[in-house]
Structure formats: structure tokens, C-alpha cells
Amino acid sequence: MSRLSLSERIVIECGIYQKLSLGKIAKKIGKTTECVSREIRANRTIAPGEHFFEKDCHYAGECKTKGLCGKDGCSRRCVTCREYDCRELCTRYNNTPCVVLSKPPYVCNVCVRRRKCKADRAYYNAQQADAMAKRRYSNSRSKIQTRGEDLEKLDKLVSPLILKGQPLTHIWSEHGDELGISQRTLYRYIDQGVLSVGNIDLRRKVAYKPRRKKKEVSEGFLNQEFRKNRGYDDYLKYMEKHPDTPIIQMDTVKGCREQGKRLLTLHFCNTNMMLMFLMRDGKADTVVEQFDMLTGLLGLEEFRKVFPVILTDNGSEFKHTRDLETTEDGKKRTKVFYCDPQASWQKPQIEKNHEFIRYVLPKGKTLNPYTQEDMLLLANNINSIRRESLGNKSPYEATTDKSILRLMGLMGLHTVPADEVNLTPALLKR
């Protein structure tokens, strides 16, 4: 049976004030009489009565009994004594709850004696009852439900995979049935310190930095030749006219210096698959060489099908727009658009995917010792991570386009078994 809502509790409170039976109140909200009875008794608010000298006996205010302690010559009323508790000695002690609280509606909301009553009272208030129920539910859910051998088994399964750099979404997608808990609960267990790993082992938990204030962009930059008719507004207008066109986001990843090897990344937004090409430098001509290589590998028609629209940033390596968009003999092969300056949020998918690269190749680490084979290994591990946005499939598993599958085969891209995915520097140890 589902939990009661605030609106249903308001109906219950109104029914109490209208002196309706619990059966009639239950019929109004479509619940059983037992459900309404249990709700009132569980979530009523207790208002302590007037307790003479903090004694909860019904007779305490008028009691004149003396000498219960057995001391000779004691003339003090026992109810006022601080040395002995008269409730433990007196045979007349009576703290039986008011009979009103033991029968429907179990509260004093409409009792005619409530203003003069000195006994403990109970009231049903819909908002207080709703808050009390939610707090109780929250507290019950926050406790560790997995214990003993089950918790040890969970720790042995999850902790080694996290230490290999695998995201929790990937682990839960692969082992959700074995874990027996939700992904959110798994995050909470780590936060509460019941597993061998902690928050410090979850990169995204500690990696974010405060955003910098956006700088004003000069009009001269926006009017540069390579950006004309290819700005972000132009991109949005084009996609409005061609909504079914696949989008590829492009960027580069630098090493520790401006000079040296550079990584070119191409990200397919519909499947989150990312291609990675290690270039000898970050020059515009070198990026064009990668486009020419892919055109030769796929053929012009398939290149057009795989890379119809490319969105990138304003880096100097992407300024040879005409060479990127056309082949050496002048045939059109793709359409390139540029984000606004300092607006990486306009291509968020590739920026987020770059986090996986930085797990293995931290900022400041040179790319010079690595080869294209190393980048293929890294790409295979990243593209084998299961994503919640893909229905718990990996980018490779979500890819069904025959041309892209052919390109994967030509490049040597393949799925890595889920438990073997490694996103730590140890993957490409040099």
C-alpha cells in the first residue's frame, strides 16, 4: 500500500473536525479504515499535560499523602519530596492515559474537555503528521540495510572495481542484479564509510572547481573569417532545419606543453562513443591530415554519412575550415560549426567524456611517450563504460550504424569486458 500524501492527510484532519467515522474518512481517500486508524495513532502530536511537581499521576495536584517513606516526623507531602519518588511507593499512583486516546478518533481535536484537561493530550495536524511520516521514512532509509556477509560480499565486488577507475554507473549497470541495492544507495554506503573505498576514490566527488567568471569577447574575434556563417547561432539554425542529422563534437587534449603530441577527439553525441587520434603536434594542418586519413579509410560517401555535422571550439588547430570541410579536389565532405568563445558548455558531451581521459592521463602529463595503439586501448576502455543515459549500455553496445561499425573494425576498436575496464594511470603506465 502506498504512503499517504499531504492532501490525503488534510482530508483526514477535516474529517476528524467534522466528527466523521474513520470508515467514512477512509472512503473519501480510497483507503481502508485500518489504514486511517494506523495513520492517526502513528503521526499524532502529543501535548504533555500539567504535571504537578513533574509527577504524572492523575491525583498529584490534590494529593495530601504523607509518610510513604517511613521516616518518623516527616511532615512534607510526598508529592513534593525530591528524595523519594512517590510514584514508586504509593498504591494510588495512576497515570492511565485518557480513555479518549484509546478509542476513535484517538485524538483530542474535538474533545469538549480539552481546554481544561490536565492529562497528556494528542492532536492530529495534517502538516505535522506529514512531516513526521517523511522524517521517519527518511531515517529508516538512511540506515545501513546490508550487513554481515552480504556487506562483505558487496565490498569485495565494488571496491576493487572503483580502485580500477570504473565509475559507479558502469559498475551498477554491469552488476546491479548482484548488488541488490540501488545506485543511489551504493553512493550513500561509500559516503557513510561502510566500504573499503571512500569519497576520495570517487573522482567526480572531489574534482570540480569553482567556475571562472566569463570574460567579454571582442567583436573583432567574432567576425574572424573562419567563423563567418559558422557560429553557434548558425549551428542552432541549421539543426532546427535538419533535426535528424547526427552531431559530432570535436576537440583536442593537450599534454604538459603547447608543443609536442596532441590528442584529437571526435565524439558521437547520440551514442557517446569517442574516437581518439594521437597527432604529432597541435597545428591546423595536422588536424586536416586526420580528416584526409579518415576520408581515405571510409571513402567520401561514408565519411559524409558518419561525420555530417561537426561542432568544435575556436582553437587555432581548427581554423582551416575550408580544408576540413572539403577534400583536396574540392568535394564537400562535412559541415563545421564553432561554439562561442569561452563557452565549452555548448559542447558538454565531449567535455564530460574528457574526464575519462584525465583519469588515465592527468593534466600536466606529456603525451610524447605514447603511441596511437595506446590511444586505441584507452578509447576501448572509455567506450566500454556503461552509461545510464544509454539504458545502461556502453557506447560500443549502443552503436548500430553500419558505417560506424565498419570504421570501428578498420581502427581495431572493440569492447572490453565490464570487470576488466581500467581507468587509472596504470592502464598506460610508462
Protein backbone atom coordinates (compact mmCIF):
# COMPACT_ATOMS: atom_id res chain seq x y z
CA MET A 1 0.00 0.00 0.00
CA SER A 2 1.35 3.41 -0.97
CA ARG A 3 2.17 6.09 1.58
CA LEU A 4 -0.36 8.84 2.29
CA SER A 5 0.07 12.25 0.70
CA LEU A 6 -0.33 15.62 2.39
CA SER A 7 -3.66 16.19 0.63
CA GLU A 8 -4.98 12.87 1.98
CA ARG A 9 -3.84 13.79 5.49
CA ILE A 10 -5.68 17.11 5.18
CA VAL A 11 -8.87 15.14 4.34
CA ILE A 12 -8.30 13.04 7.47
CA GLU A 13 -7.88 16.14 9.65
CA CYS A 14 -11.03 17.74 8.20
CA GLY A 15 -12.95 14.50 8.77
CA ILE A 16 -11.91 14.47 12.43
CA TYR A 17 -13.18 18.03 12.92
CA GLN A 18 -16.43 17.09 11.14
CA LYS A 19 -16.75 14.17 13.60
CA LEU A 20 -16.96 11.64 10.79
CA SER A 21 -16.31 7.98 11.49
CA LEU A 22 -12.97 6.53 10.43
CA GLY A 23 -14.81 4.41 7.87
CA LYS A 24 -16.28 7.46 6.15
CA ILE A 25 -12.91 9.24 6.20
CA ALA A 26 -11.26 6.15 4.68
CA LYS A 27 -13.86 6.03 1.91
CA LYS A 28 -13.12 9.65 1.00
CA ILE A 29 -9.43 8.98 0.37
CA GLY A 30 -9.82 5.48 -1.02
CA LYS A 31 -8.05 3.73 1.88
CA THR A 32 -9.06 1.13 4.46
CA THR A 33 -10.35 2.02 7.91
CA GLU A 34 -7.32 0.29 9.44
CA CYS A 35 -5.01 2.48 7.33
CA VAL A 36 -6.63 5.67 8.65
CA SER A 37 -6.60 4.38 12.22
CA ARG A 38 -2.91 3.47 11.98
CA GLU A 39 -2.07 6.85 10.41
CA ILE A 40 -3.71 8.85 13.22
CA ARG A 41 -2.12 6.83 16.01
CA ALA A 42 1.34 6.83 14.41
CA ASN A 43 1.52 10.51 13.44
CA ARG A 44 -0.48 12.33 16.12
CA THR A 45 1.31 15.02 18.10
CA ILE A 46 1.48 14.53 21.88
CA ALA A 47 0.99 17.62 24.06
CA PRO A 48 2.19 16.99 27.66
CA GLY A 49 -0.36 17.86 30.35
CA GLU A 50 0.13 19.74 33.60
CA HIS A 51 2.25 17.54 35.89
CA PHE A 52 2.33 18.75 39.47
CA PHE A 53 5.98 18.63 40.61
CA GLU A 54 6.71 16.66 37.41
CA LYS A 55 4.55 13.79 38.68
CA ASP A 56 2.29 12.30 36.01
CA CYS A 57 -0.22 10.84 38.49
CA HIS A 58 -3.81 11.96 37.99
CA TYR A 59 -4.11 12.74 41.71
CA ALA A 60 -0.81 14.64 42.10
CA GLY A 61 -2.38 18.12 42.19
CA GLU A 62 -4.72 17.33 45.05
CA CYS A 63 -2.84 14.56 46.84
CA LYS A 64 -2.07 15.19 50.55
CA THR A 65 -0.49 11.84 51.38
CA LYS A 66 2.45 11.93 53.80
CA GLY A 67 4.93 9.47 55.33
CA LEU A 68 5.22 6.98 52.45
CA CYS A 69 8.97 6.87 53.00
CA GLY A 70 8.52 5.63 56.60
CA LYS A 71 10.61 8.37 58.22
CA ASP A 72 9.46 9.47 61.64
CA GLY A 73 8.41 13.08 61.97
CA CYS A 74 8.26 13.80 58.22
CA SER A 75 5.50 16.32 57.62
CA ARG A 76 6.16 17.00 53.91
CA ARG A 77 3.61 15.99 51.31
CA CYS A 78 5.08 13.04 49.44
CA VAL A 79 4.28 14.52 46.06
CA THR A 80 6.68 17.41 46.76
CA CYS A 81 9.55 15.22 48.02
CA ARG A 82 12.79 15.30 45.99
CA GLU A 83 14.47 12.48 47.94
CA TYR A 84 11.93 9.75 47.18
CA ASP A 85 9.69 9.23 44.15
CA CYS A 86 6.19 8.84 45.47
CA ARG A 87 5.08 7.10 42.28
CA GLU A 88 7.15 4.07 43.32
CA LEU A 89 5.74 3.95 46.83
CA CYS A 90 2.11 4.96 46.53
CA THR A 91 -0.58 2.36 45.81
CA ARG A 92 -2.90 5.04 44.46
CA TYR A 93 -0.50 6.03 41.67
CA ASN A 94 -2.42 6.20 38.40
CA ASN A 95 -1.15 7.54 35.07
CA THR A 96 -3.57 5.71 32.81
CA PRO A 97 -3.98 7.65 29.53
CA CYS A 98 -7.25 9.40 28.91
CA VAL A 99 -9.86 7.00 27.59
CA VAL A 100 -10.42 9.37 24.63
CA LEU A 101 -6.99 8.41 23.25
CA SER A 102 -7.77 4.70 23.30
CA LYS A 103 -10.81 4.83 21.03
CA PRO A 104 -11.55 6.51 17.66
CA PRO A 105 -10.57 9.10 16.61
CA TYR A 106 -7.63 8.61 19.10
CA VAL A 107 -7.03 12.38 19.41
CA CYS A 108 -8.37 15.34 21.38
CA ASN A 109 -9.12 17.64 18.41
CA VAL A 110 -12.87 17.73 19.07
CA CYS A 111 -12.98 16.76 22.77
CA VAL A 112 -15.12 19.28 24.73
CA ARG A 113 -12.84 18.94 27.79
CA ARG A 114 -9.56 19.55 26.01
CA ARG A 115 -9.10 23.14 27.23
CA LYS A 116 -9.40 22.26 30.91
CA CYS A 117 -7.88 18.77 30.76
CA LYS A 118 -4.61 18.38 32.67
CA ALA A 119 -3.73 14.96 31.27
CA ASP A 120 -1.44 14.30 28.30
CA ARG A 121 -3.30 15.17 25.11
CA ALA A 122 -2.89 14.20 21.45
CA TYR A 123 -3.79 16.19 18.34
CA TYR A 124 -3.81 15.35 14.66
CA ASN A 125 -2.43 18.10 12.42
CA ALA A 126 -2.05 17.20 8.74
CA GLN A 127 1.17 19.14 8.09
CA GLN A 128 2.87 17.96 11.28
CA ALA A 129 1.76 14.39 10.58
CA ASP A 130 3.14 14.58 7.03
CA ALA A 131 6.49 15.94 8.26
CA MET A 132 6.67 13.26 10.97
CA ALA A 133 5.97 10.45 8.48
CA LYS A 134 8.55 11.73 6.00
CA ARG A 135 11.17 12.10 8.71
CA ARG A 136 10.53 8.55 9.92
CA TYR A 137 10.73 7.22 6.37
CA SER A 138 13.94 9.15 5.68
CA ASN A 139 15.57 7.88 8.88
CA SER A 140 14.66 4.29 8.08
CA ARG A 141 16.13 4.60 4.59
CA SER A 142 19.35 6.24 5.77
CA LYS A 143 20.33 3.27 7.91
CA ILE A 144 22.60 0.60 6.50
CA GLN A 145 20.31 -2.22 5.40
CA THR A 146 23.08 -4.55 4.19
CA ARG A 147 25.04 -6.21 6.98
CA GLY A 148 27.38 -9.10 7.79
CA GLU A 149 28.34 -11.42 4.96
CA ASP A 150 26.22 -9.51 2.42
CA LEU A 151 28.11 -6.30 3.17
CA GLU A 152 31.48 -8.08 2.89
CA LYS A 153 30.43 -9.58 -0.44
CA LEU A 154 29.33 -6.15 -1.67
CA ASP A 155 32.65 -4.61 -0.61
CA LYS A 156 34.72 -7.32 -2.32
CA LEU A 157 32.81 -6.81 -5.56
CA VAL A 158 32.62 -3.00 -5.70
CA SER A 159 35.81 -1.66 -4.10
CA PRO A 160 38.36 -3.28 -6.47
CA LEU A 161 36.42 -2.03 -9.49
CA ILE A 162 36.32 1.53 -8.12
CA LEU A 163 40.06 1.39 -7.47
CA LYS A 164 40.48 0.45 -11.14
CA GLY A 165 38.87 3.78 -12.02
CA GLN A 166 35.47 2.45 -13.06
CA PRO A 167 32.53 4.87 -12.49
CA LEU A 168 29.72 3.71 -10.22
CA THR A 169 27.23 3.98 -13.10
CA HIS A 170 29.27 1.43 -15.05
CA ILE A 171 29.67 -0.91 -12.05
CA TRP A 172 25.98 -0.76 -11.20
CA SER A 173 24.95 -1.30 -14.83
CA GLU A 174 27.05 -4.46 -15.02
CA HIS A 175 26.41 -5.86 -11.50
CA GLY A 176 23.12 -4.26 -10.45
CA ASP A 177 21.38 -7.63 -10.01
CA GLU A 178 24.23 -8.97 -7.89
CA LEU A 179 24.46 -5.86 -5.71
CA GLY A 180 20.84 -5.95 -4.64
CA ILE A 181 20.81 -2.20 -3.92
CA SER A 182 20.17 0.91 -5.97
CA GLN A 183 22.90 3.10 -7.40
CA ARG A 184 21.93 5.90 -5.01
CA THR A 185 22.24 3.53 -2.03
CA LEU A 186 25.68 2.49 -3.24
CA TYR A 187 26.76 6.15 -3.26
CA ARG A 188 25.38 6.54 0.27
CA TYR A 189 27.24 3.48 1.58
CA ILE A 190 30.50 4.92 0.28
CA ASP A 191 29.70 8.32 1.79
CA GLN A 192 28.97 6.70 5.18
CA GLY A 193 32.29 4.85 5.14
CA VAL A 194 30.99 1.28 5.35
CA LEU A 195 33.04 0.09 2.35
CA SER A 196 36.81 -0.10 1.89
CA VAL A 197 36.70 2.83 -0.54
CA GLY A 198 35.66 6.37 0.33
CA ASN A 199 34.61 9.61 -1.32
CA ILE A 200 38.26 10.35 -2.10
CA ASP A 201 38.22 7.40 -4.52
CA LEU A 202 35.30 8.88 -6.47
CA ARG A 203 36.91 11.36 -8.83
CA ARG A 204 33.83 13.41 -9.63
CA LYS A 205 33.14 13.86 -5.93
CA VAL A 206 36.31 15.87 -5.40
CA ALA A 207 37.35 17.10 -8.84
CA TYR A 208 35.06 20.04 -9.57
CA LYS A 209 36.49 23.53 -9.27
CA PRO A 210 34.58 26.83 -8.99
CA ARG A 211 33.65 28.23 -12.39
CA ARG A 212 35.53 31.27 -13.57
CA LYS A 213 33.72 34.45 -14.46
CA LYS A 214 33.05 34.63 -18.19
CA LYS A 215 35.13 37.26 -19.98
CA GLU A 216 33.72 39.62 -22.56
CA VAL A 217 34.56 38.60 -26.14
CA SER A 218 35.69 41.24 -28.59
CA GLU A 219 33.61 41.90 -31.68
CA GLY A 220 36.73 41.52 -33.81
CA PHE A 221 37.17 37.91 -32.74
CA LEU A 222 33.57 37.03 -33.53
CA ASN A 223 33.99 38.48 -37.03
CA GLN A 224 37.07 36.45 -37.95
CA GLU A 225 36.91 34.90 -41.42
CA PHE A 226 36.92 31.25 -40.35
CA ARG A 227 33.83 31.78 -38.15
CA LYS A 228 31.64 33.55 -40.70
CA ASN A 229 28.30 31.76 -41.12
CA ARG A 230 29.63 29.02 -38.86
CA GLY A 231 28.96 30.42 -35.34
CA TYR A 232 26.88 28.76 -32.65
CA ASP A 233 23.72 30.63 -33.68
CA ASP A 234 24.23 29.40 -37.24
CA TYR A 235 24.62 25.88 -35.86
CA LEU A 236 21.31 26.11 -33.98
CA LYS A 237 19.51 27.40 -37.10
CA TYR A 238 20.98 24.58 -39.19
CA MET A 239 19.94 21.91 -36.67
CA GLU A 240 16.45 23.39 -36.49
CA LYS A 241 16.13 22.78 -40.24
CA HIS A 242 17.85 19.35 -40.08
CA PRO A 243 16.84 17.94 -36.66
CA ASP A 244 17.67 14.31 -37.50
CA THR A 245 21.27 14.99 -38.51
CA PRO A 246 23.82 13.22 -36.25
CA ILE A 247 26.11 15.62 -34.38
CA ILE A 248 29.82 15.03 -33.80
CA GLN A 249 31.68 17.22 -31.30
CA MET A 250 35.41 17.78 -31.83
CA ASP A 251 38.19 18.93 -29.51
CA THR A 252 41.84 18.34 -28.64
CA VAL A 253 43.57 17.28 -25.42
CA LYS A 254 46.94 18.80 -24.64
CA GLY A 255 49.88 17.35 -22.78
CA CYS A 256 52.08 19.35 -20.41
CA ARG A 257 53.29 21.86 -23.02
CA GLU A 258 51.89 23.68 -26.01
CA GLN A 259 54.38 21.87 -28.20
CA GLY A 260 54.56 18.10 -28.61
CA LYS A 261 51.92 15.47 -29.31
CA ARG A 262 48.24 16.38 -29.15
CA LEU A 263 45.14 14.18 -28.92
CA LEU A 264 42.28 14.81 -31.36
CA THR A 265 38.89 13.58 -30.11
CA LEU A 266 35.66 13.10 -32.08
CA HIS A 267 32.54 12.42 -30.02
CA PHE A 268 29.28 10.96 -31.41
CA CYS A 269 26.54 12.63 -29.34
CA ASN A 270 23.85 10.02 -29.97
CA THR A 271 25.90 7.10 -28.59
CA ASN A 272 28.62 8.84 -26.51
CA MET A 273 31.27 6.95 -28.50
CA MET A 274 34.57 8.80 -28.81
CA LEU A 275 37.33 8.37 -31.38
CA MET A 276 40.88 9.36 -30.40
CA PHE A 277 43.78 10.18 -32.70
CA LEU A 278 47.28 10.96 -31.44
CA MET A 279 48.80 13.75 -33.57
CA ARG A 280 52.45 14.78 -33.75
CA ASP A 281 51.50 18.40 -32.89
CA GLY A 282 48.56 20.75 -32.49
CA LYS A 283 48.77 22.54 -35.83
CA ALA A 284 45.80 23.09 -38.12
CA ASP A 285 47.43 21.20 -40.97
CA THR A 286 47.80 18.12 -38.76
CA VAL A 287 44.07 18.12 -37.97
CA VAL A 288 43.32 18.29 -41.70
CA GLU A 289 45.63 15.27 -42.19
CA GLN A 290 43.44 13.25 -39.79
CA PHE A 291 40.34 14.20 -41.80
CA ASP A 292 42.06 13.16 -45.01
CA MET A 293 43.09 9.86 -43.41
CA LEU A 294 39.51 9.12 -42.32
CA THR A 295 38.19 10.05 -45.76
CA GLY A 296 40.62 7.61 -47.36
CA LEU A 297 39.71 4.94 -44.85
CA LEU A 298 35.95 5.22 -45.26
CA GLY A 299 35.53 6.70 -48.69
CA LEU A 300 33.90 10.07 -49.34
CA GLU A 301 30.27 8.90 -49.24
CA GLU A 302 30.61 7.04 -45.96
CA PHE A 303 32.61 9.91 -44.43
CA ARG A 304 29.70 12.25 -45.24
CA LYS A 305 27.31 9.80 -43.59
CA VAL A 306 29.41 9.30 -40.44
CA PHE A 307 30.51 12.94 -39.97
CA PRO A 308 27.72 15.15 -41.41
CA VAL A 309 27.97 17.99 -38.84
CA ILE A 310 30.90 18.79 -36.58
CA LEU A 311 30.76 21.25 -33.66
CA THR A 312 34.07 22.42 -32.22
CA ASP A 313 35.70 25.28 -30.32
CA ASN A 314 37.77 28.23 -31.53
CA GLY A 315 41.21 26.69 -31.12
CA SER A 316 43.82 27.65 -33.71
CA GLU A 317 44.08 23.99 -34.75
CA PHE A 318 40.55 24.18 -36.24
CA LYS A 319 40.93 27.40 -38.26
CA HIS A 320 41.48 25.73 -41.64
CA THR A 321 37.74 25.44 -42.07
CA ARG A 322 37.69 25.06 -45.84
CA ASP A 323 40.26 22.25 -45.76
CA LEU A 324 38.28 20.46 -43.04
CA GLU A 325 35.01 20.74 -44.92
CA THR A 326 36.30 19.75 -48.37
CA THR A 327 38.66 17.17 -49.85
CA GLU A 328 41.85 18.04 -51.77
CA ASP A 329 39.90 18.03 -55.04
CA GLY A 330 37.27 20.41 -53.60
CA LYS A 331 34.45 17.95 -52.86
CA LYS A 332 32.27 18.71 -49.84
CA ARG A 333 32.64 16.14 -47.03
CA THR A 334 31.24 17.75 -43.84
CA LYS A 335 29.95 20.95 -42.27
CA VAL A 336 31.89 22.58 -39.39
CA PHE A 337 30.43 24.98 -36.80
CA TYR A 338 32.12 26.79 -33.90
CA CYS A 339 30.98 27.37 -30.32
CA ASP A 340 31.00 30.86 -28.87
CA PRO A 341 34.36 31.81 -27.32
CA GLN A 342 34.87 30.54 -23.75
CA ALA A 343 31.61 28.58 -23.92
CA SER A 344 32.68 24.96 -23.55
CA TRP A 345 29.22 24.25 -22.08
CA GLN A 346 27.87 24.43 -25.65
CA LYS A 347 29.52 21.04 -26.34
CA PRO A 348 29.06 19.41 -22.92
CA GLN A 349 29.15 15.75 -24.00
CA ILE A 350 32.74 15.77 -25.23
CA GLU A 351 33.89 17.90 -22.29
CA LYS A 352 32.41 15.37 -19.87
CA ASN A 353 33.96 12.46 -21.77
CA HIS A 354 37.37 14.12 -21.48
CA GLU A 355 37.17 13.45 -17.74
CA PHE A 356 37.70 9.77 -18.51
CA ILE A 357 40.88 10.62 -20.43
CA ARG A 358 42.18 12.66 -17.48
CA TYR A 359 41.63 9.69 -15.17
CA VAL A 360 44.36 7.89 -17.10
CA LEU A 361 46.37 10.88 -18.38
CA PRO A 362 46.26 13.60 -15.70
CA LYS A 363 46.74 17.23 -16.67
CA GLY A 364 50.40 18.16 -16.92
CA LYS A 365 51.45 14.74 -18.21
CA THR A 366 53.15 14.80 -21.60
CA LEU A 367 51.70 12.71 -24.42
CA ASN A 368 55.05 12.27 -26.19
CA PRO A 369 55.83 8.73 -24.90
CA TYR A 370 52.53 7.32 -26.16
CA THR A 371 51.50 5.80 -29.47
CA GLN A 372 48.25 5.52 -31.40
CA GLU A 373 47.95 1.93 -30.14
CA ASP A 374 47.94 3.28 -26.58
CA MET A 375 45.12 5.68 -27.52
CA LEU A 376 43.13 2.80 -29.03
CA LEU A 377 43.49 0.89 -25.76
CA LEU A 378 42.33 3.95 -23.82
CA ALA A 379 39.41 4.50 -26.22
CA ASN A 380 38.32 0.86 -25.87
CA ASN A 381 38.20 1.17 -22.07
CA ILE A 382 36.33 4.50 -22.14
CA ASN A 383 33.83 3.34 -24.75
CA SER A 384 33.14 0.16 -22.75
CA ILE A 385 31.87 2.17 -19.76
CA ARG A 386 28.14 1.66 -19.41
CA ARG A 387 26.07 4.85 -19.32
CA GLU A 388 22.75 5.42 -17.60
CA SER A 389 21.74 7.76 -20.45
CA LEU A 390 22.08 4.84 -22.87
CA GLY A 391 19.88 2.49 -20.89
CA ASN A 392 22.90 1.04 -19.07
CA LYS A 393 24.60 0.16 -22.35
CA SER A 394 28.15 1.09 -23.28
CA PRO A 395 28.77 3.40 -26.28
CA TYR A 396 30.03 0.42 -28.26
CA GLU A 397 26.88 -1.56 -27.43
CA ALA A 398 24.68 1.41 -28.37
CA THR A 399 26.33 1.82 -31.78
CA THR A 400 24.27 0.24 -34.56
CA ASP A 401 25.16 2.33 -37.63
CA LYS A 402 26.83 0.02 -40.17
CA SER A 403 29.27 2.69 -41.39
CA ILE A 404 30.45 3.45 -37.86
CA LEU A 405 30.73 -0.27 -37.08
CA ARG A 406 32.87 -0.65 -40.20
CA LEU A 407 35.08 2.24 -39.06
CA MET A 408 35.45 0.58 -35.64
CA GLY A 409 36.59 -2.60 -37.32
CA LEU A 410 39.09 -0.76 -39.52
CA MET A 411 40.54 1.06 -36.49
CA GLY A 412 40.69 -2.03 -34.27
CA LEU A 413 38.14 -0.80 -31.73
CA HIS A 414 36.40 -3.44 -29.60
CA THR A 415 34.55 -3.86 -26.31
CA VAL A 416 36.49 -4.52 -23.09
CA PRO A 417 34.77 -6.96 -20.65
CA ALA A 418 32.96 -4.91 -17.99
CA ASP A 419 35.03 -6.05 -15.00
CA GLU A 420 38.30 -5.56 -16.89
CA VAL A 421 37.71 -1.86 -17.63
CA ASN A 422 40.58 0.14 -16.16
CA LEU A 423 40.57 3.93 -15.96
CA THR A 424 43.67 4.55 -13.85
CA PRO A 425 47.17 5.69 -14.88
CA ALA A 426 48.23 2.03 -14.58
CA LEU A 427 46.46 1.36 -17.91
CA LEU A 428 49.17 3.24 -19.85
CA LYS A 429 52.00 3.04 -17.37
CA ARG A 430 55.25 4.47 -18.74
